[in-house]
Amino acid sequence: MATYYVGLDVHLRHTTMCILDRHGKRAKRRTIRGPWTDVADAIRELSGKVSVCFEASTAYGYLYELLSDVADRVVVAHPGHLRLIFRSKQKNDRADAEKLAKLLFLDEVPPVYVPSCDVRSWRQLIEYRRRQRQRDRRLRPSASFHRHRKPSRWYTARRRQRTGDDRQAGGELLLEFQGDDGEGTGQR
């Protein structure tokens, strides 16, 4: 039974794949343009035991679940701990994919914790709610806005009326509705 070690350099629109055989020699290298399901189909074509490695990025959880169905072992590498790729002078997709495959072959990949699908969905919900609250706070007037705002004449008159100062409140209400000339025009 053949054993393959697959290193992936994943991007949104294309993925570079490097496949090593059981001796660590490069068996195949290719670039797949298209969705990640095409990458899973290409790995599915390999007969034998397949181990896959790729760097953690934004949608690593979805890709992990997708590749777990077609590969025997999937390792998500920690990008900050991959000194071999991070500090190299030759930085391109093919070289990165080959280095990931070699690290997987040597079993030296610094792994990242991949939470279950349920935990990832909870995290997405929490993040969504946090963004909604942040957006609502931006739209809501602040407390200092209300504190420094001058109350309307009607509100001041009603407050005085409720507190019992009817004499002054009644006069202001009369001015409010009749106008300053006292003829009932409704203009101030």
N, C-alpha and C. Protein backbone atom coordinates (compact mmCIF):
# COMPACT_ATOMS: atom_id res chain seq x y z
N MET A 1 0.85 -1.18 0.00
CA MET A 1 0.00 0.00 0.00
C MET A 1 0.89 1.24 0.00
N ALA A 2 0.59 2.18 -0.87
CA ALA A 2 1.39 3.39 -1.00
C ALA A 2 1.02 4.39 0.09
N THR A 3 2.01 5.16 0.51
CA THR A 3 1.82 6.21 1.49
C THR A 3 2.24 7.53 0.85
N TYR A 4 1.38 8.55 0.99
CA TYR A 4 1.67 9.85 0.40
C TYR A 4 1.59 10.92 1.47
N TYR A 5 2.47 11.90 1.34
CA TYR A 5 2.49 13.07 2.22
C TYR A 5 2.24 14.29 1.34
N VAL A 6 1.16 14.99 1.63
CA VAL A 6 0.72 16.09 0.77
C VAL A 6 0.85 17.40 1.54
N GLY A 7 1.60 18.33 0.94
CA GLY A 7 1.71 19.68 1.49
C GLY A 7 0.90 20.62 0.62
N LEU A 8 0.09 21.46 1.25
CA LEU A 8 -0.78 22.38 0.51
C LEU A 8 -0.46 23.82 0.89
N ASP A 9 -0.31 24.65 -0.11
CA ASP A 9 -0.26 26.09 0.11
C ASP A 9 -1.58 26.64 -0.42
N VAL A 10 -2.47 26.97 0.49
CA VAL A 10 -3.86 27.25 0.16
C VAL A 10 -4.10 28.75 0.02
N HIS A 11 -4.78 29.11 -1.04
CA HIS A 11 -5.26 30.48 -1.26
C HIS A 11 -6.74 30.38 -1.62
N LEU A 12 -7.37 31.52 -1.76
CA LEU A 12 -8.81 31.53 -2.03
C LEU A 12 -9.13 30.96 -3.41
N ARG A 13 -8.38 31.34 -4.43
CA ARG A 13 -8.71 30.93 -5.79
C ARG A 13 -7.82 29.83 -6.35
N HIS A 14 -6.70 29.56 -5.70
CA HIS A 14 -5.83 28.49 -6.18
C HIS A 14 -5.09 27.86 -5.01
N THR A 15 -4.67 26.62 -5.21
CA THR A 15 -3.95 25.87 -4.20
C THR A 15 -2.79 25.15 -4.87
N THR A 16 -1.61 25.24 -4.27
CA THR A 16 -0.46 24.52 -4.77
C THR A 16 -0.27 23.28 -3.93
N MET A 17 -0.13 22.14 -4.58
CA MET A 17 -0.04 20.85 -3.91
C MET A 17 1.29 20.19 -4.26
N CYS A 18 1.98 19.70 -3.24
CA CYS A 18 3.20 18.92 -3.44
C CYS A 18 3.00 17.57 -2.78
N ILE A 19 3.22 16.50 -3.53
CA ILE A 19 2.98 15.15 -3.03
C ILE A 19 4.32 14.43 -2.94
N LEU A 20 4.64 13.92 -1.74
CA LEU A 20 5.84 13.12 -1.53
C LEU A 20 5.44 11.66 -1.36
N ASP A 21 6.30 10.74 -1.83
CA ASP A 21 6.01 9.32 -1.65
C ASP A 21 6.52 8.86 -0.28
N ARG A 22 6.49 7.57 -0.03
CA ARG A 22 6.86 7.05 1.29
C ARG A 22 8.34 7.18 1.59
N HIS A 23 9.18 7.46 0.57
CA HIS A 23 10.61 7.66 0.77
C HIS A 23 10.97 9.14 0.91
N GLY A 24 10.02 10.03 0.79
CA GLY A 24 10.26 11.46 0.91
C GLY A 24 10.63 12.12 -0.40
N LYS A 25 10.52 11.41 -1.50
CA LYS A 25 10.82 11.97 -2.82
C LYS A 25 9.56 12.59 -3.41
N ARG A 26 9.76 13.68 -4.15
CA ARG A 26 8.61 14.34 -4.75
C ARG A 26 8.02 13.47 -5.85
N ALA A 27 6.75 13.12 -5.68
CA ALA A 27 6.06 12.31 -6.67
C ALA A 27 5.32 13.19 -7.67
N LYS A 28 4.77 14.30 -7.18
CA LYS A 28 3.97 15.15 -8.06
C LYS A 28 3.87 16.54 -7.44
N ARG A 29 3.76 17.53 -8.33
CA ARG A 29 3.52 18.89 -7.88
C ARG A 29 2.54 19.51 -8.87
N ARG A 30 1.52 20.17 -8.35
CA ARG A 30 0.55 20.79 -9.25
C ARG A 30 -0.15 21.95 -8.57
N THR A 31 -0.67 22.83 -9.39
CA THR A 31 -1.47 23.96 -8.92
C THR A 31 -2.90 23.74 -9.38
N ILE A 32 -3.81 23.81 -8.42
CA ILE A 32 -5.23 23.59 -8.72
C ILE A 32 -5.93 24.94 -8.63
N ARG A 33 -6.52 25.33 -9.72
CA ARG A 33 -7.29 26.58 -9.76
C ARG A 33 -8.76 26.23 -9.60
N GLY A 34 -9.40 26.88 -8.66
CA GLY A 34 -10.81 26.60 -8.43
C GLY A 34 -11.09 26.44 -6.95
N PRO A 35 -12.27 25.96 -6.64
CA PRO A 35 -12.69 25.84 -5.23
C PRO A 35 -11.93 24.72 -4.51
N TRP A 36 -12.05 24.72 -3.20
CA TRP A 36 -11.35 23.74 -2.38
C TRP A 36 -11.89 22.33 -2.56
N THR A 37 -13.09 22.21 -3.07
CA THR A 37 -13.61 20.87 -3.35
C THR A 37 -12.80 20.19 -4.45
N ASP A 38 -12.24 20.99 -5.37
CA ASP A 38 -11.35 20.43 -6.39
C ASP A 38 -10.08 19.86 -5.77
N VAL A 39 -9.59 20.49 -4.72
CA VAL A 39 -8.41 20.00 -4.00
C VAL A 39 -8.74 18.66 -3.34
N ALA A 40 -9.92 18.59 -2.73
CA ALA A 40 -10.33 17.33 -2.08
C ALA A 40 -10.48 16.23 -3.12
N ASP A 41 -10.99 16.55 -4.30
CA ASP A 41 -11.11 15.55 -5.37
C ASP A 41 -9.74 15.07 -5.83
N ALA A 42 -8.77 15.97 -5.92
CA ALA A 42 -7.42 15.58 -6.33
C ALA A 42 -6.77 14.67 -5.29
N ILE A 43 -7.01 14.91 -4.03
CA ILE A 43 -6.46 14.05 -2.97
C ILE A 43 -7.18 12.70 -2.96
N ARG A 44 -8.46 12.72 -3.25
CA ARG A 44 -9.23 11.48 -3.30
C ARG A 44 -8.71 10.54 -4.38
N GLU A 45 -8.14 11.09 -5.45
CA GLU A 45 -7.61 10.27 -6.55
C GLU A 45 -6.39 9.46 -6.13
N LEU A 46 -5.69 9.88 -5.08
CA LEU A 46 -4.51 9.16 -4.63
C LEU A 46 -4.93 7.86 -3.95
N SER A 47 -4.32 6.76 -4.37
CA SER A 47 -4.65 5.47 -3.75
C SER A 47 -3.64 5.18 -2.66
N GLY A 48 -4.11 4.74 -1.54
CA GLY A 48 -3.23 4.43 -0.42
C GLY A 48 -3.50 5.35 0.76
N LYS A 49 -2.56 5.33 1.70
CA LYS A 49 -2.68 6.14 2.91
C LYS A 49 -2.18 7.55 2.61
N VAL A 50 -3.01 8.56 2.91
CA VAL A 50 -2.69 9.94 2.58
C VAL A 50 -2.69 10.79 3.85
N SER A 51 -1.60 11.55 4.04
CA SER A 51 -1.51 12.54 5.12
C SER A 51 -1.40 13.91 4.48
N VAL A 52 -2.14 14.85 5.00
CA VAL A 52 -2.21 16.20 4.42
C VAL A 52 -1.81 17.22 5.46
N CYS A 53 -1.09 18.26 5.02
CA CYS A 53 -0.69 19.36 5.90
C CYS A 53 -0.89 20.68 5.17
N PHE A 54 -1.42 21.67 5.89
CA PHE A 54 -1.55 23.03 5.34
C PHE A 54 -1.47 24.02 6.49
N GLU A 55 -1.17 25.27 6.16
CA GLU A 55 -1.05 26.32 7.17
C GLU A 55 -2.43 26.81 7.59
N ALA A 56 -2.54 27.18 8.85
CA ALA A 56 -3.79 27.75 9.36
C ALA A 56 -4.01 29.12 8.75
N SER A 57 -5.21 29.37 8.30
CA SER A 57 -5.59 30.67 7.76
C SER A 57 -7.02 30.95 8.18
N THR A 58 -7.70 31.83 7.50
CA THR A 58 -9.03 32.27 7.92
C THR A 58 -10.04 31.13 7.98
N ALA A 59 -10.13 30.33 6.94
CA ALA A 59 -11.17 29.29 6.87
C ALA A 59 -10.57 27.90 7.07
N TYR A 60 -9.60 27.79 7.98
CA TYR A 60 -8.95 26.50 8.14
C TYR A 60 -9.88 25.42 8.68
N GLY A 61 -10.91 25.80 9.43
CA GLY A 61 -11.84 24.82 9.97
C GLY A 61 -12.64 24.13 8.89
N TYR A 62 -13.14 24.90 7.94
CA TYR A 62 -13.90 24.33 6.83
C TYR A 62 -13.02 23.40 6.00
N LEU A 63 -11.81 23.85 5.70
CA LEU A 63 -10.89 23.04 4.91
C LEU A 63 -10.48 21.78 5.66
N TYR A 64 -10.30 21.88 6.96
CA TYR A 64 -9.96 20.72 7.78
C TYR A 64 -11.07 19.66 7.70
N GLU A 65 -12.31 20.10 7.84
CA GLU A 65 -13.44 19.16 7.75
C GLU A 65 -13.53 18.53 6.37
N LEU A 66 -13.31 19.33 5.33
CA LEU A 66 -13.39 18.84 3.96
C LEU A 66 -12.31 17.80 3.68
N LEU A 67 -11.09 18.07 4.14
CA LEU A 67 -9.98 17.14 3.87
C LEU A 67 -9.99 15.93 4.80
N SER A 68 -10.62 16.05 5.95
CA SER A 68 -10.71 14.90 6.87
C SER A 68 -11.52 13.76 6.27
N ASP A 69 -12.43 14.09 5.38
CA ASP A 69 -13.24 13.06 4.74
C ASP A 69 -12.46 12.26 3.71
N VAL A 70 -11.42 12.85 3.11
CA VAL A 70 -10.70 12.18 2.02
C VAL A 70 -9.30 11.71 2.42
N ALA A 71 -8.74 12.23 3.52
CA ALA A 71 -7.39 11.85 3.93
C ALA A 71 -7.42 11.08 5.25
N ASP A 72 -6.38 10.27 5.47
CA ASP A 72 -6.29 9.51 6.72
C ASP A 72 -5.85 10.39 7.88
N ARG A 73 -5.02 11.37 7.59
CA ARG A 73 -4.52 12.25 8.63
C ARG A 73 -4.43 13.67 8.05
N VAL A 74 -4.94 14.64 8.82
CA VAL A 74 -4.87 16.04 8.41
C VAL A 74 -4.23 16.82 9.55
N VAL A 75 -3.18 17.56 9.24
CA VAL A 75 -2.48 18.37 10.23
C VAL A 75 -2.54 19.82 9.77
N VAL A 76 -2.97 20.70 10.67
CA VAL A 76 -2.99 22.13 10.39
C VAL A 76 -1.77 22.72 11.08
N ALA A 77 -0.88 23.33 10.30
CA ALA A 77 0.37 23.85 10.82
C ALA A 77 0.20 25.26 11.36
N HIS A 78 0.91 25.54 12.44
CA HIS A 78 0.90 26.88 13.04
C HIS A 78 1.82 27.78 12.23
N PRO A 79 1.29 28.84 11.58
CA PRO A 79 2.12 29.65 10.70
C PRO A 79 3.23 30.42 11.41
N GLY A 80 3.01 30.79 12.65
CA GLY A 80 4.03 31.53 13.39
C GLY A 80 5.20 30.66 13.82
N HIS A 81 4.99 29.36 13.93
CA HIS A 81 6.04 28.46 14.38
C HIS A 81 6.75 27.75 13.23
N LEU A 82 6.39 28.04 12.02
CA LEU A 82 7.03 27.42 10.87
C LEU A 82 8.23 28.27 10.45
N ARG A 83 9.31 28.15 11.17
CA ARG A 83 10.51 28.94 10.88
C ARG A 83 11.11 28.60 9.52
N LEU A 84 10.95 27.36 9.11
CA LEU A 84 11.52 26.93 7.84
C LEU A 84 10.92 27.71 6.67
N ILE A 85 9.64 28.01 6.75
CA ILE A 85 8.98 28.77 5.70
C ILE A 85 9.07 30.26 5.97
N PHE A 86 8.89 30.65 7.23
CA PHE A 86 8.81 32.06 7.59
C PHE A 86 10.12 32.80 7.31
N ARG A 87 11.25 32.17 7.60
CA ARG A 87 12.55 32.84 7.47
C ARG A 87 13.29 32.51 6.17
N SER A 88 12.67 31.79 5.29
CA SER A 88 13.36 31.42 4.06
C SER A 88 13.43 32.59 3.10
N LYS A 89 14.47 32.60 2.27
CA LYS A 89 14.63 33.66 1.28
C LYS A 89 13.83 33.36 0.03
N GLN A 90 13.67 32.07 -0.26
CA GLN A 90 12.89 31.67 -1.43
C GLN A 90 11.44 31.44 -0.97
N LYS A 91 10.62 32.42 -1.19
CA LYS A 91 9.23 32.36 -0.70
C LYS A 91 8.30 32.34 -1.90
N ASN A 92 7.77 31.16 -2.23
CA ASN A 92 6.74 31.06 -3.25
C ASN A 92 5.85 29.87 -2.92
N ASP A 93 4.76 29.74 -3.62
CA ASP A 93 3.76 28.72 -3.28
C ASP A 93 4.32 27.31 -3.42
N ARG A 94 5.04 27.04 -4.48
CA ARG A 94 5.57 25.68 -4.71
C ARG A 94 6.57 25.30 -3.62
N ALA A 95 7.46 26.23 -3.27
CA ALA A 95 8.45 25.94 -2.23
C ALA A 95 7.77 25.75 -0.88
N ASP A 96 6.78 26.57 -0.57
CA ASP A 96 6.06 26.44 0.70
C ASP A 96 5.33 25.10 0.79
N ALA A 97 4.68 24.69 -0.28
CA ALA A 97 3.96 23.41 -0.28
C ALA A 97 4.94 22.25 -0.10
N GLU A 98 6.09 22.33 -0.75
CA GLU A 98 7.08 21.25 -0.62
C GLU A 98 7.66 21.20 0.80
N LYS A 99 7.91 22.35 1.40
CA LYS A 99 8.43 22.37 2.77
C LYS A 99 7.41 21.83 3.76
N LEU A 100 6.14 22.14 3.54
CA LEU A 100 5.09 21.57 4.41
C LEU A 100 5.03 20.06 4.27
N ALA A 101 5.15 19.55 3.04
CA ALA A 101 5.13 18.10 2.81
C ALA A 101 6.33 17.44 3.47
N LYS A 102 7.51 18.07 3.40
CA LYS A 102 8.70 17.50 4.03
C LYS A 102 8.58 17.49 5.55
N LEU A 103 8.05 18.57 6.10
CA LEU A 103 7.84 18.60 7.55
C LEU A 103 6.84 17.53 7.98
N LEU A 104 5.84 17.30 7.18
CA LEU A 104 4.87 16.25 7.48
C LEU A 104 5.52 14.87 7.39
N PHE A 105 6.37 14.68 6.40
CA PHE A 105 7.09 13.41 6.23
C PHE A 105 7.99 13.15 7.45
N LEU A 106 8.66 14.19 7.96
CA LEU A 106 9.54 14.07 9.11
C LEU A 106 8.79 14.10 10.44
N ASP A 107 7.48 14.35 10.38
CA ASP A 107 6.63 14.47 11.57
C ASP A 107 7.11 15.59 12.49
N GLU A 108 7.46 16.71 11.89
CA GLU A 108 7.95 17.88 12.61
C GLU A 108 7.05 19.10 12.45
N VAL A 109 5.81 18.90 12.12
CA VAL A 109 4.89 20.01 11.91
C VAL A 109 4.41 20.55 13.26
N PRO A 110 4.58 21.86 13.51
CA PRO A 110 3.99 22.43 14.73
C PRO A 110 2.48 22.56 14.54
N PRO A 111 1.70 21.70 15.20
CA PRO A 111 0.26 21.69 14.93
C PRO A 111 -0.47 22.83 15.65
N VAL A 112 -1.63 23.09 15.15
CA VAL A 112 -2.53 24.07 15.73
C VAL A 112 -3.77 23.30 16.21
N TYR A 113 -4.38 23.76 17.30
CA TYR A 113 -5.59 23.12 17.79
C TYR A 113 -6.75 23.45 16.85
N VAL A 114 -7.44 22.42 16.41
CA VAL A 114 -8.61 22.62 15.55
C VAL A 114 -9.85 22.22 16.36
N PRO A 115 -10.67 23.19 16.75
CA PRO A 115 -11.87 22.86 17.51
C PRO A 115 -12.89 22.12 16.65
N SER A 116 -13.81 21.47 17.32
CA SER A 116 -14.85 20.73 16.60
C SER A 116 -15.76 21.70 15.86
N CYS A 117 -16.58 21.15 15.00
CA CYS A 117 -17.50 21.96 14.19
C CYS A 117 -18.47 22.74 15.09
N ASP A 118 -18.95 22.10 16.16
CA ASP A 118 -19.87 22.79 17.08
C ASP A 118 -19.21 23.99 17.74
N VAL A 119 -17.99 23.81 18.21
CA VAL A 119 -17.29 24.90 18.88
C VAL A 119 -17.02 26.04 17.90
N ARG A 120 -16.66 25.71 16.69
CA ARG A 120 -16.43 26.76 15.69
C ARG A 120 -17.72 27.52 15.39
N SER A 121 -18.85 26.83 15.33
CA SER A 121 -20.12 27.53 15.07
C SER A 121 -20.49 28.41 16.26
N TRP A 122 -20.21 27.97 17.49
CA TRP A 122 -20.46 28.82 18.66
C TRP A 122 -19.60 30.07 18.60
N ARG A 123 -18.34 29.88 18.24
CA ARG A 123 -17.44 31.03 18.15
C ARG A 123 -17.91 32.01 17.09
N GLN A 124 -18.40 31.51 15.98
CA GLN A 124 -18.91 32.39 14.93
C GLN A 124 -20.13 33.17 15.42
N LEU A 125 -21.00 32.49 16.16
CA LEU A 125 -22.17 33.16 16.71
C LEU A 125 -21.78 34.25 17.70
N ILE A 126 -20.82 33.95 18.57
CA ILE A 126 -20.36 34.93 19.55
C ILE A 126 -19.73 36.12 18.85
N GLU A 127 -18.92 35.86 17.84
CA GLU A 127 -18.29 36.94 17.09
C GLU A 127 -19.33 37.78 16.35
N TYR A 128 -20.34 37.14 15.79
CA TYR A 128 -21.41 37.86 15.10
C TYR A 128 -22.16 38.77 16.08
N ARG A 129 -22.48 38.24 17.26
CA ARG A 129 -23.20 39.04 18.25
C ARG A 129 -22.34 40.20 18.75
N ARG A 130 -21.02 39.97 18.90
CA ARG A 130 -20.13 41.04 19.33
C ARG A 130 -20.10 42.16 18.29
N ARG A 131 -20.04 41.80 17.02
CA ARG A 131 -20.04 42.81 15.96
C ARG A 131 -21.37 43.56 15.91
N GLN A 132 -22.49 42.87 16.13
CA GLN A 132 -23.80 43.52 16.15
C GLN A 132 -23.88 44.54 17.29
N ARG A 133 -23.41 44.14 18.47
CA ARG A 133 -23.43 45.06 19.62
C ARG A 133 -22.54 46.27 19.36
N GLN A 134 -21.40 46.05 18.74
CA GLN A 134 -20.49 47.14 18.43
C GLN A 134 -21.15 48.10 17.43
N ARG A 135 -21.83 47.55 16.43
CA ARG A 135 -22.52 48.37 15.45
C ARG A 135 -23.65 49.16 16.11
N ASP A 136 -24.41 48.50 17.01
CA ASP A 136 -25.51 49.18 17.69
C ASP A 136 -24.99 50.31 18.57
N ARG A 137 -23.84 50.10 19.22
CA ARG A 137 -23.28 51.15 20.05
C ARG A 137 -22.85 52.36 19.22
N ARG A 138 -22.37 52.11 18.02
CA ARG A 138 -21.98 53.22 17.16
C ARG A 138 -23.20 54.03 16.72
N LEU A 139 -24.33 53.37 16.51
CA LEU A 139 -25.52 54.05 16.04
C LEU A 139 -26.29 54.75 17.15
N ARG A 140 -26.14 54.27 18.38
CA ARG A 140 -26.89 54.82 19.50
C ARG A 140 -26.23 56.11 19.99
N PRO A 141 -27.01 57.14 20.28
CA PRO A 141 -26.42 58.37 20.83
C PRO A 141 -25.81 58.08 22.20
N SER A 142 -24.71 58.72 22.49
CA SER A 142 -24.03 58.48 23.75
C SER A 142 -24.76 59.15 24.90
N ALA A 143 -24.41 58.81 26.13
CA ALA A 143 -25.03 59.41 27.31
C ALA A 143 -24.64 60.87 27.42
N SER A 144 -23.43 61.21 26.99
CA SER A 144 -23.01 62.62 27.06
C SER A 144 -23.84 63.47 26.11
N PHE A 145 -24.31 62.90 25.01
CA PHE A 145 -25.19 63.63 24.09
C PHE A 145 -26.45 64.07 24.82
N HIS A 146 -27.05 63.15 25.58
CA HIS A 146 -28.29 63.48 26.29
C HIS A 146 -28.02 64.40 27.48
N ARG A 147 -26.87 64.28 28.09
CA ARG A 147 -26.55 65.07 29.26
C ARG A 147 -26.35 66.54 28.88
N HIS A 148 -25.78 66.81 27.74
CA HIS A 148 -25.48 68.18 27.33
C HIS A 148 -26.58 68.82 26.49
N ARG A 149 -27.58 68.05 26.17
CA ARG A 149 -28.66 68.57 25.34
C ARG A 149 -29.60 69.40 26.19
N LYS A 150 -30.01 70.53 25.68
CA LYS A 150 -30.93 71.40 26.41
C LYS A 150 -32.35 70.85 26.25
N PRO A 151 -33.09 70.67 27.36
CA PRO A 151 -34.45 70.14 27.24
C PRO A 151 -35.38 71.12 26.53
N SER A 152 -36.41 70.62 25.90
CA SER A 152 -37.36 71.47 25.18
C SER A 152 -38.21 72.26 26.17
N ARG A 153 -38.83 73.31 25.69
CA ARG A 153 -39.69 74.13 26.54
C ARG A 153 -40.90 73.33 27.03
N TRP A 154 -41.43 72.49 26.17
CA TRP A 154 -42.59 71.69 26.56
C TRP A 154 -42.22 70.74 27.69
N TYR A 155 -41.06 70.10 27.58
CA TYR A 155 -40.62 69.15 28.61
C TYR A 155 -40.40 69.89 29.93
N THR A 156 -39.79 71.06 29.87
CA THR A 156 -39.54 71.83 31.10
C THR A 156 -40.86 72.23 31.74
N ALA A 157 -41.82 72.65 30.92
CA ALA A 157 -43.13 73.05 31.46
C ALA A 157 -43.84 71.86 32.09
N ARG A 158 -43.79 70.70 31.44
CA ARG A 158 -44.45 69.51 32.00
C ARG A 158 -43.78 69.07 33.30
N ARG A 159 -42.48 69.19 33.38
CA ARG A 159 -41.78 68.79 34.59
C ARG A 159 -42.16 69.71 35.74
N ARG A 160 -42.27 71.00 35.48
CA ARG A 160 -42.67 71.93 36.53
C ARG A 160 -44.12 71.67 36.95
N GLN A 161 -44.94 71.30 35.99
CA GLN A 161 -46.34 71.02 36.29
C GLN A 161 -46.45 69.79 37.19
N ARG A 162 -45.67 68.79 36.95
CA ARG A 162 -45.71 67.58 37.77
C ARG A 162 -45.16 67.82 39.16
N THR A 163 -44.18 68.72 39.28
CA THR A 163 -43.59 68.97 40.60
C THR A 163 -44.43 69.92 41.43
N GLY A 164 -45.41 70.56 40.84
CA GLY A 164 -46.32 71.40 41.62
C GLY A 164 -46.14 72.87 41.38
N ASP A 165 -45.24 73.28 40.55
CA ASP A 165 -45.06 74.69 40.25
C ASP A 165 -45.97 75.06 39.08
N ASP A 166 -47.29 75.00 39.33
CA ASP A 166 -48.28 75.21 38.27
C ASP A 166 -48.31 76.64 37.78
N ARG A 167 -48.01 77.55 38.66
CA ARG A 167 -48.11 78.95 38.29
C ARG A 167 -47.18 79.28 37.12
N GLN A 168 -45.92 78.86 37.23
CA GLN A 168 -44.97 79.16 36.18
C GLN A 168 -45.17 78.24 34.97
N ALA A 169 -45.50 76.97 35.22
CA ALA A 169 -45.67 76.01 34.13
C ALA A 169 -46.85 76.38 33.26
N GLY A 170 -47.94 76.82 33.86
CA GLY A 170 -49.11 77.18 33.08
C GLY A 170 -48.83 78.35 32.15
N GLY A 171 -48.08 79.30 32.63
CA GLY A 171 -47.75 80.45 31.80
C GLY A 171 -46.87 80.05 30.61
N GLU A 172 -45.92 79.16 30.84
CA GLU A 172 -45.05 78.72 29.75
C GLU A 172 -45.82 77.90 28.74
N LEU A 173 -46.74 77.06 29.23
CA LEU A 173 -47.54 76.26 28.30
C LEU A 173 -48.42 77.17 27.46
N LEU A 174 -48.96 78.19 28.09
CA LEU A 174 -49.78 79.13 27.35
C LEU A 174 -48.96 79.83 26.27
N LEU A 175 -47.75 80.23 26.62
CA LEU A 175 -46.87 80.84 25.62
C LEU A 175 -46.53 79.85 24.51
N GLU A 176 -46.34 78.60 24.90
CA GLU A 176 -45.96 77.56 23.92
C GLU A 176 -47.04 77.40 22.86
N PHE A 177 -48.29 77.35 23.28
CA PHE A 177 -49.36 77.06 22.33
C PHE A 177 -49.99 78.32 21.70
N GLN A 178 -49.91 79.44 22.38
CA GLN A 178 -50.51 80.65 21.83
C GLN A 178 -49.52 81.50 21.06
N GLY A 179 -48.29 81.36 21.38
CA GLY A 179 -47.29 82.23 20.77
C GLY A 179 -47.00 83.39 21.68
N ASP A 180 -45.98 84.15 21.38
CA ASP A 180 -45.57 85.26 22.25
C ASP A 180 -46.54 86.42 22.22
N ASP A 181 -47.29 86.58 21.13
CA ASP A 181 -48.22 87.71 21.04
C ASP A 181 -49.53 87.46 21.75
N GLY A 182 -49.77 86.18 22.16
CA GLY A 182 -50.96 85.84 22.93
C GLY A 182 -52.20 85.70 22.11
N GLU A 183 -52.14 85.66 20.79
CA GLU A 183 -53.34 85.60 19.94
C GLU A 183 -53.67 84.18 19.51
N GLY A 184 -52.93 83.19 19.93
CA GLY A 184 -53.26 81.81 19.58
C GLY A 184 -52.87 81.41 18.18
N THR A 185 -51.84 82.01 17.64
CA THR A 185 -51.42 81.69 16.28
C THR A 185 -50.60 80.39 16.23
N GLY A 186 -50.05 80.02 17.34
CA GLY A 186 -49.23 78.81 17.37
C GLY A 186 -47.81 79.05 16.92
N GLN A 187 -47.48 80.30 16.58
CA GLN A 187 -46.10 80.61 16.19
C GLN A 187 -45.41 81.28 17.34
N ARG A 188 -44.12 81.05 17.44
CA ARG A 188 -43.36 81.64 18.56
C ARG A 188 -42.56 82.82 18.12
